[in-house]
Amino acid sequence: MKAFAILPVLVGLCGCVGAAADQPDPADASCSAEGLQYLVGQPDSAFDPSGLDEPVRVIHPGDAITMDFSLQRLNVEIDAEGRIAAIRCG
């Protein structure tokens, strides 16, 4: 009887494994992250999004963000010290 209780959990976990395969390949990204990597490690004030034509999301520690993935969106992650920790598309 306990085996039947575990079965829905196992089926649910199998569905989660396949979800990662549906994500687009970050190498196909069309945002400007690659050209802005020189900003990683700089203070957050070094990033100026005013000249960019793409959506930009600046993420600070503790910020709530959506889990949607957009190859055209530039994500700029700021660390707890106020420095740019990562710049990527998504």
PDB file of N, CA and C in Angstrom:
ATOM      1  N   MET A   1       0.810  -1.191   0.000  1.00  0.00           N
ATOM      2  CA  MET A   1       0.000   0.000   0.000  1.00  0.00           C
ATOM      3  C   MET A   1       0.862   1.268   0.000  1.00  0.00           C
ATOM      4  N   LYS A   2       2.005   1.221   0.714  1.00  0.00           N
ATOM      5  CA  LYS A   2       2.888   2.389   0.755  1.00  0.00           C
ATOM      6  C   LYS A   2       3.499   2.673  -0.616  1.00  0.00           C
ATOM      7  N   ALA A   3       3.688   1.615  -1.410  1.00  0.00           N
ATOM      8  CA  ALA A   3       4.254   1.806  -2.744  1.00  0.00           C
ATOM      9  C   ALA A   3       3.341   2.667  -3.603  1.00  0.00           C
ATOM     10  N   PHE A   4       2.043   2.536  -3.449  1.00  0.00           N
ATOM     11  CA  PHE A   4       1.102   3.345  -4.224  1.00  0.00           C
ATOM     12  C   PHE A   4       1.135   4.809  -3.783  1.00  0.00           C
ATOM     13  N   ALA A   5       1.479   5.065  -2.539  1.00  0.00           N
ATOM     14  CA  ALA A   5       1.569   6.436  -2.053  1.00  0.00           C
ATOM     15  C   ALA A   5       2.808   7.136  -2.614  1.00  0.00           C
ATOM     16  N   ILE A   6       3.855   6.395  -2.886  1.00  0.00           N
ATOM     17  CA  ILE A   6       5.102   6.963  -3.400  1.00  0.00           C
ATOM     18  C   ILE A   6       5.034   7.186  -4.906  1.00  0.00           C
ATOM     19  N   LEU A   7       4.221   6.418  -5.601  1.00  0.00           N
ATOM     20  CA  LEU A   7       4.144   6.492  -7.052  1.00  0.00           C
ATOM     21  C   LEU A   7       3.851   7.897  -7.593  1.00  0.00           C
ATOM     22  N   PRO A   8       2.875   8.653  -7.052  1.00  0.00           N
ATOM     23  CA  PRO A   8       2.635  10.009  -7.577  1.00  0.00           C
ATOM     24  C   PRO A   8       3.837  10.940  -7.399  1.00  0.00           C
ATOM     25  N   VAL A   9       4.585  10.745  -6.328  1.00  0.00           N
ATOM     26  CA  VAL A   9       5.772  11.579  -6.098  1.00  0.00           C
ATOM     27  C   VAL A   9       6.824  11.285  -7.157  1.00  0.00           C
ATOM     28  N   LEU A  10       7.051  10.012  -7.449  1.00  0.00           N
ATOM     29  CA  LEU A  10       8.036   9.643  -8.464  1.00  0.00           C
ATOM     30  C   LEU A  10       7.637  10.135  -9.846  1.00  0.00           C
ATOM     31  N   VAL A  11       6.374  10.035 -10.168  1.00  0.00           N
ATOM     32  CA  VAL A  11       5.898  10.523 -11.468  1.00  0.00           C
ATOM     33  C   VAL A  11       6.088  12.037 -11.552  1.00  0.00           C
ATOM     34  N   GLY A  12       5.807  12.739 -10.473  1.00  0.00           N
ATOM     35  CA  GLY A  12       5.994  14.197 -10.447  1.00  0.00           C
ATOM     36  C   GLY A  12       7.449  14.590 -10.618  1.00  0.00           C
ATOM     37  N   LEU A  13       8.352  13.847  -9.999  1.00  0.00           N
ATOM     38  CA  LEU A  13       9.775  14.149 -10.132  1.00  0.00           C
ATOM     39  C   LEU A  13      10.266  13.904 -11.556  1.00  0.00           C
ATOM     40  N   CYS A  14       9.761  12.896 -12.203  1.00  0.00           N
ATOM     41  CA  CYS A  14      10.154  12.637 -13.591  1.00  0.00           C
ATOM     42  C   CYS A  14       9.757  13.805 -14.489  1.00  0.00           C
ATOM     43  N   GLY A  15       8.629  14.419 -14.220  1.00  0.00           N
ATOM     44  CA  GLY A  15       8.199  15.574 -14.996  1.00  0.00           C
ATOM     45  C   GLY A  15       9.129  16.759 -14.815  1.00  0.00           C
ATOM     46  N   CYS A  16       9.704  16.906 -13.632  1.00  0.00           N
ATOM     47  CA  CYS A  16      10.622  18.020 -13.373  1.00  0.00           C
ATOM     48  C   CYS A  16      11.928  17.853 -14.127  1.00  0.00           C
ATOM     49  N   VAL A  17      12.387  16.642 -14.283  1.00  0.00           N
ATOM     50  CA  VAL A  17      13.645  16.392 -14.974  1.00  0.00           C
ATOM     51  C   VAL A  17      13.544  16.817 -16.428  1.00  0.00           C
ATOM     52  N   GLY A  18      12.438  16.570 -17.077  1.00  0.00           N
ATOM     53  CA  GLY A  18      12.266  16.921 -18.476  1.00  0.00           C
ATOM     54  C   GLY A  18      12.121  18.414 -18.705  1.00  0.00           C
ATOM     55  N   ALA A  19      11.740  19.171 -17.706  1.00  0.00           N
ATOM     56  CA  ALA A  19      11.509  20.605 -17.879  1.00  0.00           C
ATOM     57  C   ALA A  19      12.784  21.352 -18.246  1.00  0.00           C
ATOM     58  N   ALA A  20      13.932  20.930 -17.730  1.00  0.00           N
ATOM     59  CA  ALA A  20      15.185  21.621 -18.021  1.00  0.00           C
ATOM     60  C   ALA A  20      15.554  21.506 -19.494  1.00  0.00           C
ATOM     61  N   ALA A  21      15.156  20.428 -20.137  1.00  0.00           N
ATOM     62  CA  ALA A  21      15.475  20.243 -21.550  1.00  0.00           C
ATOM     63  C   ALA A  21      14.711  21.232 -22.433  1.00  0.00           C
ATOM     64  N   ASP A  22      13.617  21.793 -21.927  1.00  0.00           N
ATOM     65  CA  ASP A  22      12.821  22.738 -22.698  1.00  0.00           C
ATOM     66  C   ASP A  22      13.411  24.149 -22.688  1.00  0.00           C
ATOM     67  N   GLN A  23      14.407  24.409 -21.860  1.00  0.00           N
ATOM     68  CA  GLN A  23      15.013  25.734 -21.777  1.00  0.00           C
ATOM     69  C   GLN A  23      15.822  26.017 -23.032  1.00  0.00           C
ATOM     70  N   PRO A  24      15.756  27.221 -23.555  1.00  0.00           N
ATOM     71  CA  PRO A  24      16.568  27.572 -24.726  1.00  0.00           C
ATOM     72  C   PRO A  24      18.052  27.535 -24.380  1.00  0.00           C
ATOM     73  N   ASP A  25      18.867  27.297 -25.364  1.00  0.00           N
ATOM     74  CA  ASP A  25      20.306  27.259 -25.180  1.00  0.00           C
ATOM     75  C   ASP A  25      20.831  28.678 -24.969  1.00  0.00           C
ATOM     76  N   PRO A  26      21.486  28.955 -23.814  1.00  0.00           N
ATOM     77  CA  PRO A  26      21.996  30.312 -23.570  1.00  0.00           C
ATOM     78  C   PRO A  26      22.987  30.779 -24.635  1.00  0.00           C
ATOM     79  N   ALA A  27      23.588  29.861 -25.366  1.00  0.00           N
ATOM     80  CA  ALA A  27      24.512  30.265 -26.433  1.00  0.00           C
ATOM     81  C   ALA A  27      23.776  30.977 -27.565  1.00  0.00           C
ATOM     82  N   ASP A  28      22.463  30.758 -27.680  1.00  0.00           N
ATOM     83  CA  ASP A  28      21.662  31.409 -28.705  1.00  0.00           C
ATOM     84  C   ASP A  28      21.125  32.767 -28.252  1.00  0.00           C
ATOM     85  N   ALA A  29      21.549  33.225 -27.108  1.00  0.00           N
ATOM     86  CA  ALA A  29      21.020  34.457 -26.539  1.00  0.00           C
ATOM     87  C   ALA A  29      21.281  35.646 -27.456  1.00  0.00           C
ATOM     88  N   SER A  30      20.322  36.552 -27.476  1.00  0.00           N
ATOM     89  CA  SER A  30      20.473  37.712 -28.351  1.00  0.00           C
ATOM     90  C   SER A  30      20.479  39.020 -27.568  1.00  0.00           C
ATOM     91  N   CYS A  31      20.816  38.985 -26.290  1.00  0.00           N
ATOM     92  CA  CYS A  31      20.962  40.223 -25.536  1.00  0.00           C
ATOM     93  C   CYS A  31      22.440  40.620 -25.542  1.00  0.00           C
ATOM     94  N   SER A  32      22.764  41.726 -24.939  1.00  0.00           N
ATOM     95  CA  SER A  32      24.132  42.257 -25.012  1.00  0.00           C
ATOM     96  C   SER A  32      25.020  41.836 -23.843  1.00  0.00           C
ATOM     97  N   ALA A  33      24.692  40.728 -23.181  1.00  0.00           N
ATOM     98  CA  ALA A  33      25.445  40.290 -22.004  1.00  0.00           C
ATOM     99  C   ALA A  33      26.921  40.034 -22.304  1.00  0.00           C
ATOM    100  N   GLU A  34      27.206  39.423 -23.423  1.00  0.00           N
ATOM    101  CA  GLU A  34      28.588  39.080 -23.749  1.00  0.00           C
ATOM    102  C   GLU A  34      29.476  40.323 -23.820  1.00  0.00           C
ATOM    103  N   GLY A  35      28.958  41.392 -24.368  1.00  0.00           N
ATOM    104  CA  GLY A  35      29.738  42.615 -24.504  1.00  0.00           C
ATOM    105  C   GLY A  35      29.851  43.435 -23.226  1.00  0.00           C
ATOM    106  N   LEU A  36      29.139  43.032 -22.179  1.00  0.00           N
ATOM    107  CA  LEU A  36      29.161  43.780 -20.914  1.00  0.00           C
ATOM    108  C   LEU A  36      29.881  43.043 -19.786  1.00  0.00           C
ATOM    109  N   GLN A  37      30.542  41.947 -20.091  1.00  0.00           N
ATOM    110  CA  GLN A  37      31.202  41.154 -19.054  1.00  0.00           C
ATOM    111  C   GLN A  37      32.308  41.923 -18.327  1.00  0.00           C
ATOM    112  N   TYR A  38      32.838  42.948 -18.949  1.00  0.00           N
ATOM    113  CA  TYR A  38      33.878  43.752 -18.294  1.00  0.00           C
ATOM    114  C   TYR A  38      33.353  44.460 -17.045  1.00  0.00           C
ATOM    115  N   LEU A  39      32.025  44.555 -16.900  1.00  0.00           N
ATOM    116  CA  LEU A  39      31.431  45.214 -15.731  1.00  0.00           C
ATOM    117  C   LEU A  39      31.360  44.317 -14.501  1.00  0.00           C
ATOM    118  N   VAL A  40      31.524  43.008 -14.677  1.00  0.00           N
ATOM    119  CA  VAL A  40      31.455  42.094 -13.535  1.00  0.00           C
ATOM    120  C   VAL A  40      32.564  42.445 -12.550  1.00  0.00           C
ATOM    121  N   GLY A  41      32.182  42.621 -11.297  1.00  0.00           N
ATOM    122  CA  GLY A  41      33.114  43.021 -10.242  1.00  0.00           C
ATOM    123  C   GLY A  41      33.107  44.517  -9.973  1.00  0.00           C
ATOM    124  N   GLN A  42      32.504  45.286 -10.867  1.00  0.00           N
ATOM    125  CA  GLN A  42      32.422  46.737 -10.702  1.00  0.00           C
ATOM    126  C   GLN A  42      31.241  47.102  -9.797  1.00  0.00           C
ATOM    127  N   PRO A  43      31.237  48.310  -9.219  1.00  0.00           N
ATOM    128  CA  PRO A  43      30.078  48.750  -8.436  1.00  0.00           C
ATOM    129  C   PRO A  43      28.837  48.813  -9.336  1.00  0.00           C
ATOM    130  N   ASP A  44      27.667  48.630  -8.748  1.00  0.00           N
ATOM    131  CA  ASP A  44      26.439  48.634  -9.546  1.00  0.00           C
ATOM    132  C   ASP A  44      26.231  49.964 -10.270  1.00  0.00           C
ATOM    133  N   SER A  45      26.815  51.029  -9.781  1.00  0.00           N
ATOM    134  CA  SER A  45      26.676  52.334 -10.436  1.00  0.00           C
ATOM    135  C   SER A  45      27.410  52.387 -11.778  1.00  0.00           C
ATOM    136  N   ALA A  46      28.290  51.414 -12.060  1.00  0.00           N
ATOM    137  CA  ALA A  46      29.012  51.378 -13.332  1.00  0.00           C
ATOM    138  C   ALA A  46      28.109  50.936 -14.484  1.00  0.00           C
ATOM    139  N   PHE A  47      26.970  50.330 -14.172  1.00  0.00           N
ATOM    140  CA  PHE A  47      26.048  49.859 -15.206  1.00  0.00           C
ATOM    141  C   PHE A  47      25.038  50.950 -15.527  1.00  0.00           C
ATOM    142  N   ASP A  48      24.993  51.344 -16.804  1.00  0.00           N
ATOM    143  CA  ASP A  48      24.047  52.358 -17.269  1.00  0.00           C
ATOM    144  C   ASP A  48      23.192  51.754 -18.377  1.00  0.00           C
ATOM    145  N   PRO A  49      21.931  51.429 -18.075  1.00  0.00           N
ATOM    146  CA  PRO A  49      21.075  50.786 -19.078  1.00  0.00           C
ATOM    147  C   PRO A  49      20.461  51.751 -20.081  1.00  0.00           C
ATOM    148  N   SER A  50      20.726  53.040 -19.976  1.00  0.00           N
ATOM    149  CA  SER A  50      20.026  54.021 -20.803  1.00  0.00           C
ATOM    150  C   SER A  50      20.267  53.837 -22.300  1.00  0.00           C
ATOM    151  N   GLY A  51      21.390  53.314 -22.725  1.00  0.00           N
ATOM    152  CA  GLY A  51      21.666  53.158 -24.141  1.00  0.00           C
ATOM    153  C   GLY A  51      21.256  51.809 -24.716  1.00  0.00           C
ATOM    154  N   LEU A  52      20.615  50.966 -23.916  1.00  0.00           N
ATOM    155  CA  LEU A  52      20.244  49.627 -24.367  1.00  0.00           C
ATOM    156  C   LEU A  52      18.818  49.606 -24.906  1.00  0.00           C
ATOM    157  N   ASP A  53      18.613  48.855 -25.977  1.00  0.00           N
ATOM    158  CA  ASP A  53      17.287  48.739 -26.587  1.00  0.00           C
ATOM    159  C   ASP A  53      16.559  47.471 -26.161  1.00  0.00           C
ATOM    160  N   GLU A  54      17.072  46.763 -25.178  1.00  0.00           N
ATOM    161  CA  GLU A  54      16.487  45.500 -24.742  1.00  0.00           C
ATOM    162  C   GLU A  54      15.932  45.634 -23.333  1.00  0.00           C
ATOM    163  N   PRO A  55      15.059  44.737 -22.940  1.00  0.00           N
ATOM    164  CA  PRO A  55      14.586  44.765 -21.552  1.00  0.00           C
ATOM    165  C   PRO A  55      15.747  44.455 -20.604  1.00  0.00           C
ATOM    166  N   VAL A  56      15.788  45.137 -19.492  1.00  0.00           N
ATOM    167  CA  VAL A  56      16.851  44.955 -18.506  1.00  0.00           C
ATOM    168  C   VAL A  56      16.223  44.670 -17.154  1.00  0.00           C
ATOM    169  N   ARG A  57      16.791  43.680 -16.443  1.00  0.00           N
ATOM    170  CA  ARG A  57      16.330  43.367 -15.088  1.00  0.00           C
ATOM    171  C   ARG A  57      17.555  43.390 -14.179  1.00  0.00           C
ATOM    172  N   VAL A  58      17.572  44.311 -13.226  1.00  0.00           N
ATOM    173  CA  VAL A  58      18.646  44.395 -12.240  1.00  0.00           C
ATOM    174  C   VAL A  58      18.154  43.681 -10.990  1.00  0.00           C
ATOM    175  N   ILE A  59      18.899  42.677 -10.550  1.00  0.00           N
ATOM    176  CA  ILE A  59      18.479  41.812  -9.452  1.00  0.00           C
ATOM    177  C   ILE A  59      19.404  42.016  -8.262  1.00  0.00           C
ATOM    178  N   HIS A  60      18.831  42.465  -7.162  1.00  0.00           N
ATOM    179  CA  HIS A  60      19.571  42.636  -5.914  1.00  0.00           C
ATOM    180  C   HIS A  60      19.292  41.449  -4.995  1.00  0.00           C
ATOM    181  N   PRO A  61      20.161  41.197  -4.009  1.00  0.00           N
ATOM    182  CA  PRO A  61      19.920  40.092  -3.086  1.00  0.00           C
ATOM    183  C   PRO A  61      18.541  40.220  -2.422  1.00  0.00           C
ATOM    184  N   GLY A  62      17.807  39.127  -2.424  1.00  0.00           N
ATOM    185  CA  GLY A  62      16.492  39.106  -1.795  1.00  0.00           C
ATOM    186  C   GLY A  62      15.357  39.564  -2.682  1.00  0.00           C
ATOM    187  N   ASP A  63      15.659  40.061  -3.889  1.00  0.00           N
ATOM    188  CA  ASP A  63      14.598  40.483  -4.810  1.00  0.00           C
ATOM    189  C   ASP A  63      13.778  39.275  -5.264  1.00  0.00           C
ATOM    190  N   ALA A  64      12.492  39.458  -5.364  1.00  0.00           N
ATOM    191  CA  ALA A  64      11.627  38.438  -5.945  1.00  0.00           C
ATOM    192  C   ALA A  64      11.651  38.632  -7.455  1.00  0.00           C
ATOM    193  N   ILE A  65      11.893  37.553  -8.179  1.00  0.00           N
ATOM    194  CA  ILE A  65      11.917  37.644  -9.641  1.00  0.00           C
ATOM    195  C   ILE A  65      11.049  36.541 -10.236  1.00  0.00           C
ATOM    196  N   THR A  66      10.579  36.776 -11.446  1.00  0.00           N
ATOM    197  CA  THR A  66       9.798  35.759 -12.134  1.00  0.00           C
ATOM    198  C   THR A  66      10.742  34.700 -12.699  1.00  0.00           C
ATOM    199  N   MET A  67      10.209  33.530 -12.954  1.00  0.00           N
ATOM    200  CA  MET A  67      11.028  32.435 -13.464  1.00  0.00           C
ATOM    201  C   MET A  67      10.938  32.311 -14.989  1.00  0.00           C
ATOM    202  N   ASP A  68      10.280  33.246 -15.650  1.00  0.00           N
ATOM    203  CA  ASP A  68      10.201  33.175 -17.102  1.00  0.00           C
ATOM    204  C   ASP A  68      11.584  33.439 -17.707  1.00  0.00           C
ATOM    205  N   PHE A  69      11.801  32.891 -18.883  1.00  0.00           N
ATOM    206  CA  PHE A  69      13.095  32.998 -19.543  1.00  0.00           C
ATOM    207  C   PHE A  69      12.922  33.737 -20.858  1.00  0.00           C
ATOM    208  N   SER A  70      13.679  34.799 -21.057  1.00  0.00           N
ATOM    209  CA  SER A  70      13.613  35.572 -22.290  1.00  0.00           C
ATOM    210  C   SER A  70      15.034  35.813 -22.789  1.00  0.00           C
ATOM    211  N   LEU A  71      15.342  35.290 -23.974  1.00  0.00           N
ATOM    212  CA  LEU A  71      16.682  35.454 -24.523  1.00  0.00           C
ATOM    213  C   LEU A  71      17.042  36.906 -24.789  1.00  0.00           C
ATOM    214  N   GLN A  72      16.033  37.748 -24.953  1.00  0.00           N
ATOM    215  CA  GLN A  72      16.286  39.153 -25.258  1.00  0.00           C
ATOM    216  C   GLN A  72      16.488  40.006 -24.006  1.00  0.00           C
ATOM    217  N   ARG A  73      16.176  39.489 -22.818  1.00  0.00           N
ATOM    218  CA  ARG A  73      16.282  40.276 -21.588  1.00  0.00           C
ATOM    219  C   ARG A  73      17.687  40.150 -20.994  1.00  0.00           C
ATOM    220  N   LEU A  74      18.231  41.281 -20.589  1.00  0.00           N
ATOM    221  CA  LEU A  74      19.530  41.338 -19.925  1.00  0.00           C
ATOM    222  C   LEU A  74      19.306  41.314 -18.418  1.00  0.00           C
ATOM    223  N   ASN A  75      19.901  40.339 -17.742  1.00  0.00           N
ATOM    224  CA  ASN A  75      19.833  40.250 -16.285  1.00  0.00           C
ATOM    225  C   ASN A  75      21.164  40.683 -15.701  1.00  0.00           C
ATOM    226  N   VAL A  76      21.122  41.633 -14.796  1.00  0.00           N
ATOM    227  CA  VAL A  76      22.315  42.107 -14.106  1.00  0.00           C
ATOM    228  C   VAL A  76      22.128  41.791 -12.627  1.00  0.00           C
ATOM    229  N   GLU A  77      22.954  40.883 -12.115  1.00  0.00           N
ATOM    230  CA  GLU A  77      22.842  40.462 -10.727  1.00  0.00           C
ATOM    231  C   GLU A  77      23.834  41.237  -9.863  1.00  0.00           C
ATOM    232  N   ILE A  78      23.309  41.824  -8.793  1.00  0.00           N
ATOM    233  CA  ILE A  78      24.114  42.616  -7.860  1.00  0.00           C
ATOM    234  C   ILE A  78      24.302  41.803  -6.584  1.00  0.00           C
ATOM    235  N   ASP A  79      25.529  41.777  -6.050  1.00  0.00           N
ATOM    236  CA  ASP A  79      25.773  41.017  -4.824  1.00  0.00           C
ATOM    237  C   ASP A  79      25.511  41.875  -3.581  1.00  0.00           C
ATOM    238  N   ALA A  80      25.717  41.295  -2.423  1.00  0.00           N
ATOM    239  CA  ALA A  80      25.423  41.968  -1.157  1.00  0.00           C
ATOM    240  C   ALA A  80      26.317  43.184  -0.917  1.00  0.00           C
ATOM    241  N   GLU A  81      27.464  43.240  -1.566  1.00  0.00           N
ATOM    242  CA  GLU A  81      28.374  44.382  -1.417  1.00  0.00           C
ATOM    243  C   GLU A  81      28.085  45.488  -2.419  1.00  0.00           C
ATOM    244  N   GLY A  82      27.056  45.320  -3.247  1.00  0.00           N
ATOM    245  CA  GLY A  82      26.712  46.338  -4.219  1.00  0.00           C
ATOM    246  C   GLY A  82      27.545  46.277  -5.493  1.00  0.00           C
ATOM    247  N   ARG A  83      28.149  45.137  -5.757  1.00  0.00           N
ATOM    248  CA  ARG A  83      28.955  44.964  -6.966  1.00  0.00           C
ATOM    249  C   ARG A  83      28.221  44.059  -7.947  1.00  0.00           C
ATOM    250  N   ILE A  84      28.522  44.214  -9.211  1.00  0.00           N
ATOM    251  CA  ILE A  84      27.911  43.379 -10.248  1.00  0.00           C
ATOM    252  C   ILE A  84      28.514  41.993 -10.162  1.00  0.00           C
ATOM    253  N   ALA A  85      27.673  41.004  -9.866  1.00  0.00           N
ATOM    254  CA  ALA A  85      28.136  39.633  -9.706  1.00  0.00           C
ATOM    255  C   ALA A  85      28.035  38.832 -10.999  1.00  0.00           C
ATOM    256  N   ALA A  86      27.041  39.130 -11.832  1.00  0.00           N
ATOM    257  CA  ALA A  86      26.856  38.387 -13.081  1.00  0.00           C
ATOM    258  C   ALA A  86      26.027  39.208 -14.038  1.00  0.00           C
ATOM    259  N   ILE A  87      26.284  39.011 -15.319  1.00  0.00           N
ATOM    260  CA  ILE A  87      25.486  39.618 -16.377  1.00  0.00           C
ATOM    261  C   ILE A  87      25.205  38.524 -17.382  1.00  0.00           C
ATOM    262  N   ARG A  88      23.920  38.251 -17.612  1.00  0.00           N
ATOM    263  CA  ARG A  88      23.538  37.176 -18.535  1.00  0.00           C
ATOM    264  C   ARG A  88      22.204  37.460 -19.183  1.00  0.00           C
ATOM    265  N   CYS A  89      21.931  36.753 -20.233  1.00  0.00           N
ATOM    266  CA  CYS A  89      20.629  36.825 -20.886  1.00  0.00           C
ATOM    267  C   CYS A  89      19.661  35.887 -20.173  1.00  0.00           C
ATOM    268  N   GLY A  90      18.425  36.211 -20.213  1.00  0.00           N
ATOM    269  CA  GLY A  90      17.423  35.327 -19.619  1.00  0.00           C
ATOM    270  C   GLY A  90      16.375  36.104 -18.969  1.00  0.00           C
TER     271      GLY A  90
END
